[in-house]
Amino acid sequence: MLNRIQLKAEAKSITKSAAVSAYVLTLIYLAITFVLNLILEFATGATAGELSYYLDTEIPFPVLGLSPLMVTFISILIALISSVLGAGYVIYHLGIRKNHTMPYATLFDGFTFVGKIIILQILVAVFTFLWSMLLFIPGIVAAYRYRFALYNLCENPQLSPSEALNMSKAQTRGHKWELFVLDLSFLGWSILCGLTLGILSIWIMPYIQQTDIGYFEACKKASGVGYVPPADDGQFHSDDRFNDSFGGDSTRSYDPER
């Protein structure tokens, strides 16, 4: 069983000691996301929750009078941009865990392998949806099964989306319940973020993200999939890990048959 208390304490320490502030980067990320949502709302005259109503009724959208087809295009485009920015946010946190200085521009690093990110997100959505068609519980299990797929891809963009998915399946085997409990442990913080209109998210999001990546690293070590031990000095060097974005080979220990 993974030590949740220890991993959370480690996440706090890493977040606070980052050379480039995780809190400022989170503020930038949230600000960009907010602007994207404003663009969507301005273009459609509707909030995200109202879009389905207009699309179903085929009523022209109130502000710009856009057709449902154009609104669908804009919605998909903004969703894809948000997904790529989310990958950049993951890349930043993967980097600071390895003691790298990750500039604010890291938030846009996902655009260098945008195609793979989009394909991966589509695959995860499709597989999760198909499992959900069986029963609600299998859909939840599937979501946890693919939990680390994006992390694998961000750590090593040379992977194919299917390889990232398969690695996640192996890494989360036997740990899905622990990940579920981890999410429950953050429920109180999520409620507080909502009560503060999201302002508290600037401090809580990095903590949650870094804890999740701590679980990712622990699951890699436990499964032997994608894990390469650090050098004797406790650091990761380019000669130890030579393929991933941070100077490493995250596939060296990967066996697709596991």
C-alpha atoms as a PDB file:
ATOM      1  CA  MET A   1       0.000   0.000   0.000  1.00  0.00           C
ATOM      2  CA  LEU A   2       1.269   3.460  -0.919  1.00  0.00           C
ATOM      3  CA  ASN A   3       1.946   5.918   1.893  1.00  0.00           C
ATOM      4  CA  ARG A   4      -0.534   8.713   1.175  1.00  0.00           C
ATOM      5  CA  ILE A   5       0.600  10.923   4.067  1.00  0.00           C
ATOM      6  CA  GLN A   6       4.232  10.735   3.016  1.00  0.00           C
ATOM      7  CA  LEU A   7       3.430  11.396  -0.634  1.00  0.00           C
ATOM      8  CA  LYS A   8       1.306  14.426   0.281  1.00  0.00           C
ATOM      9  CA  ALA A   9       4.059  15.846   2.495  1.00  0.00           C
ATOM     10  CA  GLU A  10       6.548  15.325  -0.315  1.00  0.00           C
ATOM     11  CA  ALA A  11       4.201  17.065  -2.764  1.00  0.00           C
ATOM     12  CA  LYS A  12       3.936  20.115  -0.492  1.00  0.00           C
ATOM     13  CA  SER A  13       7.702  20.336  -0.189  1.00  0.00           C
ATOM     14  CA  ILE A  14       8.298  20.041  -3.941  1.00  0.00           C
ATOM     15  CA  THR A  15       5.607  22.595  -4.749  1.00  0.00           C
ATOM     16  CA  LYS A  16       6.928  25.169  -2.277  1.00  0.00           C
ATOM     17  CA  SER A  17      10.576  24.751  -3.294  1.00  0.00           C
ATOM     18  CA  ALA A  18      10.101  24.985  -7.081  1.00  0.00           C
ATOM     19  CA  ALA A  19      12.546  27.454  -8.652  1.00  0.00           C
ATOM     20  CA  VAL A  20       9.753  28.819 -10.845  1.00  0.00           C
ATOM     21  CA  SER A  21       6.655  29.346  -8.717  1.00  0.00           C
ATOM     22  CA  ALA A  22       4.018  26.643  -9.112  1.00  0.00           C
ATOM     23  CA  TYR A  23       1.440  29.101  -7.805  1.00  0.00           C
ATOM     24  CA  VAL A  24       2.182  31.745 -10.422  1.00  0.00           C
ATOM     25  CA  LEU A  25       2.140  29.122 -13.164  1.00  0.00           C
ATOM     26  CA  THR A  26      -1.219  27.875 -11.876  1.00  0.00           C
ATOM     27  CA  LEU A  27      -2.548  31.437 -11.902  1.00  0.00           C
ATOM     28  CA  ILE A  28      -1.440  31.814 -15.536  1.00  0.00           C
ATOM     29  CA  TYR A  29      -3.009  28.470 -16.437  1.00  0.00           C
ATOM     30  CA  LEU A  30      -6.304  29.341 -14.758  1.00  0.00           C
ATOM     31  CA  ALA A  31      -6.322  32.796 -16.350  1.00  0.00           C
ATOM     32  CA  ILE A  32      -5.855  31.354 -19.847  1.00  0.00           C
ATOM     33  CA  THR A  33      -8.565  28.778 -19.198  1.00  0.00           C
ATOM     34  CA  PHE A  34     -10.879  31.539 -17.977  1.00  0.00           C
ATOM     35  CA  VAL A  35     -10.233  33.584 -21.136  1.00  0.00           C
ATOM     36  CA  LEU A  36     -10.923  30.556 -23.333  1.00  0.00           C
ATOM     37  CA  ASN A  37     -14.238  30.038 -21.562  1.00  0.00           C
ATOM     38  CA  LEU A  38     -15.070  33.731 -22.027  1.00  0.00           C
ATOM     39  CA  ILE A  39     -14.366  33.428 -25.744  1.00  0.00           C
ATOM     40  CA  LEU A  40     -16.655  30.431 -25.954  1.00  0.00           C
ATOM     41  CA  GLU A  41     -19.375  32.213 -24.030  1.00  0.00           C
ATOM     42  CA  PHE A  42     -19.069  35.372 -26.137  1.00  0.00           C
ATOM     43  CA  ALA A  43     -19.148  33.432 -29.403  1.00  0.00           C
ATOM     44  CA  THR A  44     -22.214  31.466 -28.389  1.00  0.00           C
ATOM     45  CA  GLY A  45     -23.972  33.757 -25.948  1.00  0.00           C
ATOM     46  CA  ALA A  46     -24.303  30.756 -23.677  1.00  0.00           C
ATOM     47  CA  THR A  47     -22.459  29.196 -20.817  1.00  0.00           C
ATOM     48  CA  ALA A  48     -20.961  25.743 -21.259  1.00  0.00           C
ATOM     49  CA  GLY A  49     -23.977  24.224 -19.533  1.00  0.00           C
ATOM     50  CA  GLU A  50     -26.388  25.859 -21.996  1.00  0.00           C
ATOM     51  CA  LEU A  51     -24.626  24.792 -25.191  1.00  0.00           C
ATOM     52  CA  SER A  52     -26.341  21.418 -25.424  1.00  0.00           C
ATOM     53  CA  TYR A  53     -29.757  23.121 -25.345  1.00  0.00           C
ATOM     54  CA  TYR A  54     -28.975  25.325 -28.340  1.00  0.00           C
ATOM     55  CA  LEU A  55     -27.342  22.485 -30.236  1.00  0.00           C
ATOM     56  CA  ASP A  56     -30.328  20.190 -29.633  1.00  0.00           C
ATOM     57  CA  THR A  57     -32.914  22.775 -30.625  1.00  0.00           C
ATOM     58  CA  GLU A  58     -30.826  24.218 -33.518  1.00  0.00           C
ATOM     59  CA  ILE A  59     -31.749  27.722 -32.354  1.00  0.00           C
ATOM     60  CA  PRO A  60     -29.198  30.330 -33.552  1.00  0.00           C
ATOM     61  CA  PHE A  61     -26.815  31.352 -30.804  1.00  0.00           C
ATOM     62  CA  PRO A  62     -27.792  34.717 -29.359  1.00  0.00           C
ATOM     63  CA  VAL A  63     -24.704  36.966 -29.475  1.00  0.00           C
ATOM     64  CA  LEU A  64     -23.032  36.413 -32.836  1.00  0.00           C
ATOM     65  CA  GLY A  65     -25.835  34.410 -34.398  1.00  0.00           C
ATOM     66  CA  LEU A  66     -23.479  31.556 -35.207  1.00  0.00           C
ATOM     67  CA  SER A  67     -24.782  28.310 -36.627  1.00  0.00           C
ATOM     68  CA  PRO A  68     -24.707  25.169 -34.474  1.00  0.00           C
ATOM     69  CA  LEU A  69     -21.978  23.775 -36.760  1.00  0.00           C
ATOM     70  CA  MET A  70     -19.707  26.783 -36.198  1.00  0.00           C
ATOM     71  CA  VAL A  71     -20.339  26.716 -32.459  1.00  0.00           C
ATOM     72  CA  THR A  72     -19.496  23.008 -32.384  1.00  0.00           C
ATOM     73  CA  PHE A  73     -16.223  23.768 -34.181  1.00  0.00           C
ATOM     74  CA  ILE A  74     -15.333  26.558 -31.742  1.00  0.00           C
ATOM     75  CA  SER A  75     -16.241  24.368 -28.755  1.00  0.00           C
ATOM     76  CA  ILE A  76     -14.059  21.492 -29.984  1.00  0.00           C
ATOM     77  CA  LEU A  77     -11.155  23.839 -30.766  1.00  0.00           C
ATOM     78  CA  ILE A  78     -11.224  25.399 -27.306  1.00  0.00           C
ATOM     79  CA  ALA A  79     -11.527  21.970 -25.681  1.00  0.00           C
ATOM     80  CA  LEU A  80      -8.450  20.783 -27.598  1.00  0.00           C
ATOM     81  CA  ILE A  81      -6.442  23.875 -26.660  1.00  0.00           C
ATOM     82  CA  SER A  82      -7.426  23.355 -23.029  1.00  0.00           C
ATOM     83  CA  SER A  83      -6.288  19.716 -23.209  1.00  0.00           C
ATOM     84  CA  VAL A  84      -2.878  20.705 -24.582  1.00  0.00           C
ATOM     85  CA  LEU A  85      -2.449  23.389 -21.917  1.00  0.00           C
ATOM     86  CA  GLY A  86      -3.360  20.745 -19.337  1.00  0.00           C
ATOM     87  CA  ALA A  87      -0.547  18.583 -20.711  1.00  0.00           C
ATOM     88  CA  GLY A  88       1.840  21.531 -20.336  1.00  0.00           C
ATOM     89  CA  TYR A  89       0.756  21.865 -16.714  1.00  0.00           C
ATOM     90  CA  VAL A  90       1.601  18.182 -16.192  1.00  0.00           C
ATOM     91  CA  ILE A  91       4.982  18.609 -17.896  1.00  0.00           C
ATOM     92  CA  TYR A  92       5.842  21.421 -15.505  1.00  0.00           C
ATOM     93  CA  HIS A  93       5.051  19.295 -12.445  1.00  0.00           C
ATOM     94  CA  LEU A  94       6.898  16.269 -13.801  1.00  0.00           C
ATOM     95  CA  GLY A  95       9.924  18.512 -14.298  1.00  0.00           C
ATOM     96  CA  ILE A  96      10.028  20.150 -10.882  1.00  0.00           C
ATOM     97  CA  ARG A  97       9.766  16.714  -9.250  1.00  0.00           C
ATOM     98  CA  LYS A  98      13.077  15.913 -10.956  1.00  0.00           C
ATOM     99  CA  ASN A  99      14.583  19.182  -9.661  1.00  0.00           C
ATOM    100  CA  HIS A 100      14.508  20.865 -13.062  1.00  0.00           C
ATOM    101  CA  THR A 101      13.866  24.565 -13.476  1.00  0.00           C
ATOM    102  CA  MET A 102      10.682  24.695 -15.528  1.00  0.00           C
ATOM    103  CA  PRO A 103       9.935  28.139 -17.028  1.00  0.00           C
ATOM    104  CA  TYR A 104       6.404  29.472 -17.322  1.00  0.00           C
ATOM    105  CA  ALA A 105       6.572  28.803 -21.070  1.00  0.00           C
ATOM    106  CA  THR A 106       6.497  25.083 -20.197  1.00  0.00           C
ATOM    107  CA  LEU A 107       2.727  25.494 -20.129  1.00  0.00           C
ATOM    108  CA  PHE A 108       2.820  25.522 -23.938  1.00  0.00           C
ATOM    109  CA  ASP A 109       5.208  22.569 -24.385  1.00  0.00           C
ATOM    110  CA  GLY A 110       2.296  20.255 -25.165  1.00  0.00           C
ATOM    111  CA  PHE A 111       1.925  21.921 -28.559  1.00  0.00           C
ATOM    112  CA  THR A 112       5.149  20.193 -29.673  1.00  0.00           C
ATOM    113  CA  PHE A 113       3.320  16.838 -29.693  1.00  0.00           C
ATOM    114  CA  VAL A 114      -0.248  18.096 -29.907  1.00  0.00           C
ATOM    115  CA  GLY A 115      -1.347  15.309 -32.273  1.00  0.00           C
ATOM    116  CA  LYS A 116      -0.484  12.555 -29.811  1.00  0.00           C
ATOM    117  CA  ILE A 117      -2.173  14.399 -26.950  1.00  0.00           C
ATOM    118  CA  ILE A 118      -5.395  14.761 -28.925  1.00  0.00           C
ATOM    119  CA  ILE A 119      -5.366  11.128 -30.049  1.00  0.00           C
ATOM    120  CA  LEU A 120      -4.696   9.971 -26.486  1.00  0.00           C
ATOM    121  CA  GLN A 121      -7.542  12.074 -25.085  1.00  0.00           C
ATOM    122  CA  ILE A 122      -9.910  10.712 -27.713  1.00  0.00           C
ATOM    123  CA  LEU A 123      -8.884   7.113 -26.976  1.00  0.00           C
ATOM    124  CA  VAL A 124      -9.318   7.584 -23.221  1.00  0.00           C
ATOM    125  CA  ALA A 125     -12.742   9.190 -23.746  1.00  0.00           C
ATOM    126  CA  VAL A 126     -13.897   6.451 -26.125  1.00  0.00           C
ATOM    127  CA  PHE A 127     -12.677   3.542 -23.984  1.00  0.00           C
ATOM    128  CA  THR A 128     -14.104   5.058 -20.804  1.00  0.00           C
ATOM    129  CA  PHE A 129     -17.432   5.684 -22.546  1.00  0.00           C
ATOM    130  CA  LEU A 130     -17.589   2.122 -23.873  1.00  0.00           C
ATOM    131  CA  TRP A 131     -16.951   0.699 -20.414  1.00  0.00           C
ATOM    132  CA  SER A 132     -19.574   3.065 -18.993  1.00  0.00           C
ATOM    133  CA  MET A 133     -22.145   1.591 -21.372  1.00  0.00           C
ATOM    134  CA  LEU A 134     -21.863  -1.692 -19.496  1.00  0.00           C
ATOM    135  CA  LEU A 135     -22.425  -0.230 -16.043  1.00  0.00           C
ATOM    136  CA  PHE A 136     -21.492   2.910 -14.134  1.00  0.00           C
ATOM    137  CA  ILE A 137     -18.825   1.185 -12.019  1.00  0.00           C
ATOM    138  CA  PRO A 138     -16.815  -0.243 -14.977  1.00  0.00           C
ATOM    139  CA  GLY A 139     -16.671   3.290 -16.382  1.00  0.00           C
ATOM    140  CA  ILE A 140     -15.143   4.582 -13.151  1.00  0.00           C
ATOM    141  CA  VAL A 141     -12.658   1.704 -13.095  1.00  0.00           C
ATOM    142  CA  ALA A 142     -11.678   2.489 -16.695  1.00  0.00           C
ATOM    143  CA  ALA A 143     -11.073   6.138 -15.801  1.00  0.00           C
ATOM    144  CA  TYR A 144      -8.624   5.058 -13.094  1.00  0.00           C
ATOM    145  CA  ARG A 145      -7.066   2.471 -15.404  1.00  0.00           C
ATOM    146  CA  TYR A 146      -6.020   5.244 -17.813  1.00  0.00           C
ATOM    147  CA  ARG A 147      -5.188   7.745 -15.075  1.00  0.00           C
ATOM    148  CA  PHE A 148      -1.460   7.868 -15.857  1.00  0.00           C
ATOM    149  CA  ALA A 149      -1.650   7.686 -19.654  1.00  0.00           C
ATOM    150  CA  LEU A 150      -1.117  11.424 -20.122  1.00  0.00           C
ATOM    151  CA  TYR A 151       1.712  11.411 -17.580  1.00  0.00           C
ATOM    152  CA  ASN A 152       3.493   8.677 -19.529  1.00  0.00           C
ATOM    153  CA  LEU A 153       3.110  10.581 -22.790  1.00  0.00           C
ATOM    154  CA  CYS A 154       4.254  13.884 -21.267  1.00  0.00           C
ATOM    155  CA  GLU A 155       7.261  12.189 -19.691  1.00  0.00           C
ATOM    156  CA  ASN A 156       8.188  10.551 -22.980  1.00  0.00           C
ATOM    157  CA  PRO A 157       6.561  12.107 -26.082  1.00  0.00           C
ATOM    158  CA  GLN A 158       8.256   9.426 -28.200  1.00  0.00           C
ATOM    159  CA  LEU A 159       5.635   6.964 -26.966  1.00  0.00           C
ATOM    160  CA  SER A 160       2.580   6.272 -29.067  1.00  0.00           C
ATOM    161  CA  PRO A 161      -0.806   6.989 -27.458  1.00  0.00           C
ATOM    162  CA  SER A 162      -1.529   3.248 -27.274  1.00  0.00           C
ATOM    163  CA  GLU A 163       1.786   2.605 -25.507  1.00  0.00           C
ATOM    164  CA  ALA A 164       0.983   5.323 -22.977  1.00  0.00           C
ATOM    165  CA  LEU A 165      -2.400   3.696 -22.364  1.00  0.00           C
ATOM    166  CA  ASN A 166      -0.925   0.213 -21.937  1.00  0.00           C
ATOM    167  CA  MET A 167       1.695   1.500 -19.524  1.00  0.00           C
ATOM    168  CA  SER A 168      -1.016   3.174 -17.444  1.00  0.00           C
ATOM    169  CA  LYS A 169      -3.014  -0.064 -17.332  1.00  0.00           C
ATOM    170  CA  ALA A 170       0.022  -1.898 -15.928  1.00  0.00           C
ATOM    171  CA  GLN A 171       0.988   0.904 -13.528  1.00  0.00           C
ATOM    172  CA  THR A 172      -2.475   1.233 -11.980  1.00  0.00           C
ATOM    173  CA  ARG A 173      -3.032  -2.504 -11.582  1.00  0.00           C
ATOM    174  CA  GLY A 174      -3.751  -3.083  -7.900  1.00  0.00           C
ATOM    175  CA  HIS A 175      -3.739   0.638  -7.098  1.00  0.00           C
ATOM    176  CA  LYS A 176      -7.093   1.874  -8.426  1.00  0.00           C
ATOM    177  CA  TRP A 177      -8.742   1.823  -4.996  1.00  0.00           C
ATOM    178  CA  GLU A 178      -5.842   3.788  -3.517  1.00  0.00           C
ATOM    179  CA  LEU A 179      -6.242   6.393  -6.256  1.00  0.00           C
ATOM    180  CA  PHE A 180      -9.961   6.581  -5.519  1.00  0.00           C
ATOM    181  CA  VAL A 181      -9.267   7.129  -1.823  1.00  0.00           C
ATOM    182  CA  LEU A 182      -6.701   9.770  -2.778  1.00  0.00           C
ATOM    183  CA  ASP A 183      -9.345  11.668  -4.727  1.00  0.00           C
ATOM    184  CA  LEU A 184     -11.752  11.434  -1.801  1.00  0.00           C
ATOM    185  CA  SER A 185      -9.098  12.884   0.501  1.00  0.00           C
ATOM    186  CA  PHE A 186      -9.112  16.061  -1.598  1.00  0.00           C
ATOM    187  CA  LEU A 187     -12.903  16.424  -1.587  1.00  0.00           C
ATOM    188  CA  GLY A 188     -12.863  18.969   1.238  1.00  0.00           C
ATOM    189  CA  TRP A 189     -10.292  21.108  -0.555  1.00  0.00           C
ATOM    190  CA  SER A 190     -12.348  20.975  -3.749  1.00  0.00           C
ATOM    191  CA  ILE A 191     -15.418  22.220  -1.891  1.00  0.00           C
ATOM    192  CA  LEU A 192     -13.409  25.070  -0.370  1.00  0.00           C
ATOM    193  CA  CYS A 193     -12.119  26.024  -3.821  1.00  0.00           C
ATOM    194  CA  GLY A 194     -15.700  26.236  -5.014  1.00  0.00           C
ATOM    195  CA  LEU A 195     -16.730  28.365  -2.037  1.00  0.00           C
ATOM    196  CA  THR A 196     -13.903  30.820  -2.796  1.00  0.00           C
ATOM    197  CA  LEU A 197     -14.981  31.053  -6.467  1.00  0.00           C
ATOM    198  CA  GLY A 198     -11.868  29.157  -7.486  1.00  0.00           C
ATOM    199  CA  ILE A 199      -9.379  31.572  -5.895  1.00  0.00           C
ATOM    200  CA  LEU A 200      -8.080  28.922  -3.506  1.00  0.00           C
ATOM    201  CA  SER A 201      -7.318  26.738  -6.546  1.00  0.00           C
ATOM    202  CA  ILE A 202      -4.157  28.767  -7.122  1.00  0.00           C
ATOM    203  CA  TRP A 203      -2.668  27.117  -4.017  1.00  0.00           C
ATOM    204  CA  ILE A 204      -4.532  23.811  -4.006  1.00  0.00           C
ATOM    205  CA  MET A 205      -4.183  22.745  -7.658  1.00  0.00           C
ATOM    206  CA  PRO A 206      -0.354  22.451  -7.557  1.00  0.00           C
ATOM    207  CA  TYR A 207      -0.568  20.446  -4.333  1.00  0.00           C
ATOM    208  CA  ILE A 208      -3.127  18.032  -5.777  1.00  0.00           C
ATOM    209  CA  GLN A 209      -1.301  17.712  -9.102  1.00  0.00           C
ATOM    210  CA  GLN A 210       2.053  17.077  -7.462  1.00  0.00           C
ATOM    211  CA  THR A 211       0.537  14.485  -5.104  1.00  0.00           C
ATOM    212  CA  ASP A 212      -1.003  12.682  -8.060  1.00  0.00           C
ATOM    213  CA  ILE A 213       2.357  12.632  -9.826  1.00  0.00           C
ATOM    214  CA  GLY A 214       3.884  11.305  -6.616  1.00  0.00           C
ATOM    215  CA  TYR A 215       1.439   8.389  -6.854  1.00  0.00           C
ATOM    216  CA  PHE A 216       2.419   8.007 -10.507  1.00  0.00           C
ATOM    217  CA  GLU A 217       6.086   7.696  -9.577  1.00  0.00           C
ATOM    218  CA  ALA A 218       5.293   5.286  -6.738  1.00  0.00           C
ATOM    219  CA  CYS A 219       3.125   3.118  -8.998  1.00  0.00           C
ATOM    220  CA  LYS A 220       5.875   3.065 -11.629  1.00  0.00           C
ATOM    221  CA  LYS A 221       8.314   1.831  -9.018  1.00  0.00           C
ATOM    222  CA  ALA A 222       5.885  -0.770  -7.636  1.00  0.00           C
ATOM    223  CA  SER A 223       4.985  -2.121 -11.082  1.00  0.00           C
ATOM    224  CA  GLY A 224       8.427  -1.783 -12.648  1.00  0.00           C
ATOM    225  CA  VAL A 225       6.799  -0.174 -15.678  1.00  0.00           C
ATOM    226  CA  GLY A 226       8.525   3.009 -16.806  1.00  0.00           C
ATOM    227  CA  TYR A 227      10.662   3.186 -13.677  1.00  0.00           C
ATOM    228  CA  VAL A 228      14.395   3.837 -13.707  1.00  0.00           C
ATOM    229  CA  PRO A 229      16.068   4.281 -10.288  1.00  0.00           C
ATOM    230  CA  PRO A 230      18.005   7.502  -9.650  1.00  0.00           C
ATOM    231  CA  ALA A 231      21.783   7.588  -9.399  1.00  0.00           C
ATOM    232  CA  ASP A 232      23.634   7.143  -6.108  1.00  0.00           C
ATOM    233  CA  ASP A 233      23.329  10.856  -5.341  1.00  0.00           C
ATOM    234  CA  GLY A 234      19.534  10.610  -5.568  1.00  0.00           C
ATOM    235  CA  GLN A 235      19.347  12.675  -8.748  1.00  0.00           C
ATOM    236  CA  PHE A 236      18.255  11.790 -12.269  1.00  0.00           C
ATOM    237  CA  HIS A 237      20.989  12.375 -14.830  1.00  0.00           C
ATOM    238  CA  SER A 238      20.907  12.385 -18.592  1.00  0.00           C
ATOM    239  CA  ASP A 239      23.051   9.251 -18.754  1.00  0.00           C
ATOM    240  CA  ASP A 240      20.596   7.412 -16.479  1.00  0.00           C
ATOM    241  CA  ARG A 241      17.394   8.317 -18.316  1.00  0.00           C
ATOM    242  CA  PHE A 242      17.942   9.160 -21.946  1.00  0.00           C
ATOM    243  CA  ASN A 243      14.622   9.328 -23.797  1.00  0.00           C
ATOM    244  CA  ASP A 244      12.044  11.301 -21.862  1.00  0.00           C
ATOM    245  CA  SER A 245      11.557  15.071 -21.821  1.00  0.00           C
ATOM    246  CA  PHE A 246      13.590  15.360 -18.606  1.00  0.00           C
ATOM    247  CA  GLY A 247      16.618  13.340 -19.666  1.00  0.00           C
ATOM    248  CA  GLY A 248      15.281   9.858 -19.048  1.00  0.00           C
ATOM    249  CA  ASP A 249      14.141   6.611 -20.606  1.00  0.00           C
ATOM    250  CA  SER A 250      10.669   5.978 -19.223  1.00  0.00           C
ATOM    251  CA  THR A 251      10.211   2.862 -21.355  1.00  0.00           C
ATOM    252  CA  ARG A 252      13.336   0.971 -20.381  1.00  0.00           C
ATOM    253  CA  SER A 253      11.469  -1.159 -17.832  1.00  0.00           C
ATOM    254  CA  TYR A 254       8.260  -1.435 -19.847  1.00  0.00           C
ATOM    255  CA  ASP A 255       7.054  -4.875 -20.805  1.00  0.00           C
ATOM    256  CA  PRO A 256       3.818  -4.671 -22.883  1.00  0.00           C
ATOM    257  CA  GLU A 257       3.003  -8.268 -22.013  1.00  0.00           C
ATOM    258  CA  ARG A 258       2.726  -7.545 -18.249  1.00  0.00           C
END
